[in-house]
Amino acid sequence: MRPLAAVMSEYERAYLVRVLASCEWRRMEAAEVLGISRKNLWEKMAAHRIEDGEKPGADAECDKTDLPRVIRRAARRGARR
């Protein structure tokens, strides 16, 4: 067993990379999908040492079914603006 903080940090990092990759590394778009500011995304990328163009790991533990729903929801919000 590992501490909860370590597991949550790994999940957050994997999810951030997955969202960024799905948005073709367009940070503004990824921030909108995530519901956070671009500055907050930049801070999270720095904290997790995420570099532009990084590939999502094969062992990434984030739920693959979650992402398309989140992106579709963000796209609908963007269309309403």
N, C-alpha and C. Protein backbone atom coordinates (compact mmCIF):
# COMPACT_ATOMS: atom_id res chain seq x y z
N MET A 1 0.84 -1.19 0.00
CA MET A 1 0.00 0.00 0.00
C MET A 1 0.87 1.25 0.00
N ARG A 2 0.38 2.26 -0.69
CA ARG A 2 1.10 3.54 -0.74
C ARG A 2 0.22 4.63 -0.16
N PRO A 3 0.85 5.73 0.26
CA PRO A 3 0.06 6.84 0.81
C PRO A 3 -0.90 7.41 -0.24
N LEU A 4 -2.04 7.86 0.21
CA LEU A 4 -3.06 8.40 -0.67
C LEU A 4 -2.53 9.59 -1.47
N ALA A 5 -1.74 10.45 -0.85
CA ALA A 5 -1.21 11.63 -1.54
C ALA A 5 -0.36 11.23 -2.75
N ALA A 6 0.42 10.17 -2.62
CA ALA A 6 1.26 9.70 -3.73
C ALA A 6 0.41 9.17 -4.88
N VAL A 7 -0.62 8.42 -4.54
CA VAL A 7 -1.51 7.85 -5.56
C VAL A 7 -2.26 8.97 -6.29
N MET A 8 -2.77 9.94 -5.53
CA MET A 8 -3.52 11.04 -6.13
C MET A 8 -2.61 11.89 -7.03
N SER A 9 -1.38 12.08 -6.62
CA SER A 9 -0.43 12.85 -7.42
C SER A 9 -0.15 12.14 -8.74
N GLU A 10 0.05 10.84 -8.69
CA GLU A 10 0.29 10.06 -9.91
C GLU A 10 -0.91 10.12 -10.85
N TYR A 11 -2.11 10.01 -10.28
CA TYR A 11 -3.32 10.06 -11.09
C TYR A 11 -3.46 11.43 -11.73
N GLU A 12 -3.24 12.49 -10.94
CA GLU A 12 -3.36 13.85 -11.47
C GLU A 12 -2.38 14.06 -12.62
N ARG A 13 -1.14 13.62 -12.45
CA ARG A 13 -0.13 13.79 -13.49
C ARG A 13 -0.54 13.05 -14.76
N ALA A 14 -0.96 11.80 -14.60
CA ALA A 14 -1.37 11.00 -15.77
C ALA A 14 -2.57 11.64 -16.47
N TYR A 15 -3.51 12.16 -15.70
CA TYR A 15 -4.69 12.78 -16.29
C TYR A 15 -4.33 14.07 -17.02
N LEU A 16 -3.46 14.88 -16.42
CA LEU A 16 -3.02 16.11 -17.07
C LEU A 16 -2.35 15.82 -18.42
N VAL A 17 -1.47 14.84 -18.44
CA VAL A 17 -0.76 14.49 -19.68
C VAL A 17 -1.76 14.00 -20.72
N ARG A 18 -2.73 13.21 -20.28
CA ARG A 18 -3.73 12.67 -21.20
C ARG A 18 -4.58 13.79 -21.80
N VAL A 19 -5.02 14.73 -20.97
CA VAL A 19 -5.83 15.85 -21.46
C VAL A 19 -5.00 16.73 -22.40
N LEU A 20 -3.78 17.05 -22.00
CA LEU A 20 -2.91 17.86 -22.85
C LEU A 20 -2.68 17.19 -24.21
N ALA A 21 -2.42 15.91 -24.20
CA ALA A 21 -2.19 15.19 -25.45
C ALA A 21 -3.45 15.19 -26.31
N SER A 22 -4.61 15.01 -25.69
CA SER A 22 -5.85 15.00 -26.46
C SER A 22 -6.17 16.37 -27.05
N CYS A 23 -5.65 17.43 -26.42
CA CYS A 23 -5.84 18.80 -26.92
C CYS A 23 -4.66 19.23 -27.78
N GLU A 24 -3.83 18.27 -28.18
CA GLU A 24 -2.65 18.52 -29.00
C GLU A 24 -1.73 19.57 -28.36
N TRP A 25 -1.64 19.51 -27.05
CA TRP A 25 -0.74 20.36 -26.25
C TRP A 25 -1.08 21.85 -26.34
N ARG A 26 -2.32 22.16 -26.69
CA ARG A 26 -2.78 23.55 -26.63
C ARG A 26 -3.23 23.81 -25.20
N ARG A 27 -2.42 24.54 -24.47
CA ARG A 27 -2.64 24.73 -23.04
C ARG A 27 -3.95 25.44 -22.72
N MET A 28 -4.31 26.43 -23.50
CA MET A 28 -5.55 27.15 -23.24
C MET A 28 -6.75 26.22 -23.35
N GLU A 29 -6.76 25.42 -24.39
CA GLU A 29 -7.85 24.46 -24.60
C GLU A 29 -7.87 23.42 -23.47
N ALA A 30 -6.70 22.92 -23.10
CA ALA A 30 -6.62 21.93 -22.02
C ALA A 30 -7.10 22.53 -20.70
N ALA A 31 -6.74 23.77 -20.43
CA ALA A 31 -7.18 24.44 -19.20
C ALA A 31 -8.70 24.55 -19.18
N GLU A 32 -9.30 24.88 -20.32
CA GLU A 32 -10.76 24.97 -20.40
C GLU A 32 -11.40 23.62 -20.16
N VAL A 33 -10.85 22.57 -20.75
CA VAL A 33 -11.37 21.22 -20.55
C VAL A 33 -11.30 20.84 -19.07
N LEU A 34 -10.21 21.20 -18.44
CA LEU A 34 -10.00 20.86 -17.03
C LEU A 34 -10.77 21.77 -16.08
N GLY A 35 -11.24 22.90 -16.59
CA GLY A 35 -11.98 23.83 -15.74
C GLY A 35 -11.07 24.62 -14.80
N ILE A 36 -9.82 24.87 -15.25
CA ILE A 36 -8.87 25.63 -14.44
C ILE A 36 -8.28 26.73 -15.31
N SER A 37 -7.59 27.67 -14.66
CA SER A 37 -6.96 28.74 -15.42
C SER A 37 -5.71 28.23 -16.11
N ARG A 38 -5.26 28.97 -17.12
CA ARG A 38 -4.04 28.60 -17.83
C ARG A 38 -2.85 28.67 -16.87
N LYS A 39 -2.86 29.66 -15.97
CA LYS A 39 -1.79 29.79 -14.98
C LYS A 39 -1.77 28.57 -14.05
N ASN A 40 -2.94 28.14 -13.62
CA ASN A 40 -3.02 26.98 -12.74
C ASN A 40 -2.51 25.73 -13.45
N LEU A 41 -2.85 25.60 -14.73
CA LEU A 41 -2.36 24.47 -15.50
C LEU A 41 -0.84 24.52 -15.59
N TRP A 42 -0.30 25.70 -15.87
CA TRP A 42 1.16 25.85 -15.96
C TRP A 42 1.81 25.45 -14.64
N GLU A 43 1.23 25.88 -13.52
CA GLU A 43 1.78 25.54 -12.20
C GLU A 43 1.74 24.04 -11.96
N LYS A 44 0.65 23.39 -12.35
CA LYS A 44 0.54 21.94 -12.18
C LYS A 44 1.56 21.22 -13.07
N MET A 45 1.74 21.72 -14.30
CA MET A 45 2.73 21.11 -15.19
C MET A 45 4.13 21.23 -14.60
N ALA A 46 4.44 22.38 -14.02
CA ALA A 46 5.76 22.57 -13.40
C ALA A 46 5.93 21.67 -12.18
N ALA A 47 4.88 21.58 -11.36
CA ALA A 47 4.95 20.76 -10.15
C ALA A 47 5.14 19.28 -10.48
N HIS A 48 4.51 18.83 -11.56
CA HIS A 48 4.59 17.42 -11.96
C HIS A 48 5.71 17.18 -12.97
N ARG A 49 6.44 18.23 -13.31
CA ARG A 49 7.53 18.15 -14.30
C ARG A 49 7.06 17.56 -15.63
N ILE A 50 5.96 18.12 -16.12
CA ILE A 50 5.40 17.70 -17.39
C ILE A 50 5.97 18.60 -18.48
N GLU A 51 6.52 17.99 -19.51
CA GLU A 51 7.10 18.74 -20.63
C GLU A 51 6.19 18.64 -21.85
N ASP A 52 6.19 19.70 -22.66
CA ASP A 52 5.37 19.72 -23.87
C ASP A 52 5.67 18.50 -24.74
N GLY A 53 4.62 17.90 -25.26
CA GLY A 53 4.77 16.78 -26.17
C GLY A 53 4.98 15.44 -25.50
N GLU A 54 4.97 15.41 -24.19
CA GLU A 54 5.17 14.14 -23.46
C GLU A 54 4.02 13.19 -23.80
N LYS A 55 4.36 11.94 -24.01
CA LYS A 55 3.36 10.94 -24.34
C LYS A 55 2.74 10.38 -23.06
N PRO A 56 1.41 10.14 -23.08
CA PRO A 56 0.81 9.48 -21.93
C PRO A 56 1.42 8.10 -21.75
N GLY A 57 1.79 7.75 -20.56
CA GLY A 57 2.40 6.45 -20.29
C GLY A 57 1.42 5.32 -20.47
N ALA A 58 1.92 4.19 -20.86
CA ALA A 58 1.08 3.01 -21.03
C ALA A 58 0.49 2.57 -19.69
N ASP A 59 1.22 2.91 -18.61
CA ASP A 59 0.75 2.51 -17.29
C ASP A 59 -0.05 3.61 -16.61
N ALA A 60 -0.44 4.64 -17.37
CA ALA A 60 -1.22 5.73 -16.79
C ALA A 60 -2.50 5.16 -16.21
N GLU A 61 -2.76 5.54 -14.98
CA GLU A 61 -3.88 4.93 -14.28
C GLU A 61 -5.17 5.73 -14.36
N CYS A 62 -5.23 6.76 -15.19
CA CYS A 62 -6.47 7.52 -15.24
C CYS A 62 -7.48 6.78 -16.11
N ASP A 63 -8.71 6.96 -15.79
CA ASP A 63 -9.81 6.26 -16.44
C ASP A 63 -9.97 6.74 -17.88
N LYS A 64 -9.78 5.85 -18.83
CA LYS A 64 -9.85 6.22 -20.24
C LYS A 64 -11.26 6.60 -20.67
N THR A 65 -12.29 6.10 -19.97
CA THR A 65 -13.66 6.43 -20.34
C THR A 65 -14.03 7.82 -19.87
N ASP A 66 -13.34 8.37 -18.91
CA ASP A 66 -13.62 9.67 -18.34
C ASP A 66 -13.32 10.81 -19.30
N LEU A 67 -12.22 10.72 -20.01
CA LEU A 67 -11.72 11.83 -20.79
C LEU A 67 -12.65 12.27 -21.93
N PRO A 68 -13.15 11.37 -22.76
CA PRO A 68 -14.02 11.84 -23.85
C PRO A 68 -15.24 12.60 -23.33
N ARG A 69 -15.81 12.16 -22.22
CA ARG A 69 -16.97 12.84 -21.65
C ARG A 69 -16.60 14.24 -21.21
N VAL A 70 -15.45 14.41 -20.59
CA VAL A 70 -14.99 15.71 -20.13
C VAL A 70 -14.75 16.63 -21.31
N ILE A 71 -14.13 16.12 -22.36
CA ILE A 71 -13.84 16.94 -23.54
C ILE A 71 -15.14 17.33 -24.25
N ARG A 72 -16.08 16.41 -24.35
CA ARG A 72 -17.36 16.74 -25.00
C ARG A 72 -18.09 17.83 -24.22
N ARG A 73 -18.07 17.73 -22.89
CA ARG A 73 -18.73 18.72 -22.05
C ARG A 73 -18.08 20.09 -22.25
N ALA A 74 -16.76 20.14 -22.29
CA ALA A 74 -16.05 21.41 -22.49
C ALA A 74 -16.36 21.98 -23.87
N ALA A 75 -16.46 21.12 -24.88
CA ALA A 75 -16.76 21.57 -26.23
C ALA A 75 -18.17 22.17 -26.27
N ARG A 76 -19.11 21.56 -25.57
CA ARG A 76 -20.47 22.11 -25.52
C ARG A 76 -20.49 23.46 -24.84
N ARG A 77 -19.72 23.60 -23.75
CA ARG A 77 -19.63 24.88 -23.05
C ARG A 77 -19.04 25.94 -23.98
N GLY A 78 -18.01 25.57 -24.74
CA GLY A 78 -17.37 26.50 -25.65
C GLY A 78 -18.32 26.94 -26.76
N ALA A 79 -19.17 26.04 -27.22
CA ALA A 79 -20.10 26.36 -28.30
C ALA A 79 -21.18 27.32 -27.83
N ARG A 80 -21.48 27.30 -26.54
CA ARG A 80 -22.51 28.18 -25.99
C ARG A 80 -22.04 29.61 -25.84
N ARG A 81 -20.73 29.83 -25.80
CA ARG A 81 -20.19 31.18 -25.55
C ARG A 81 -20.36 32.08 -26.72
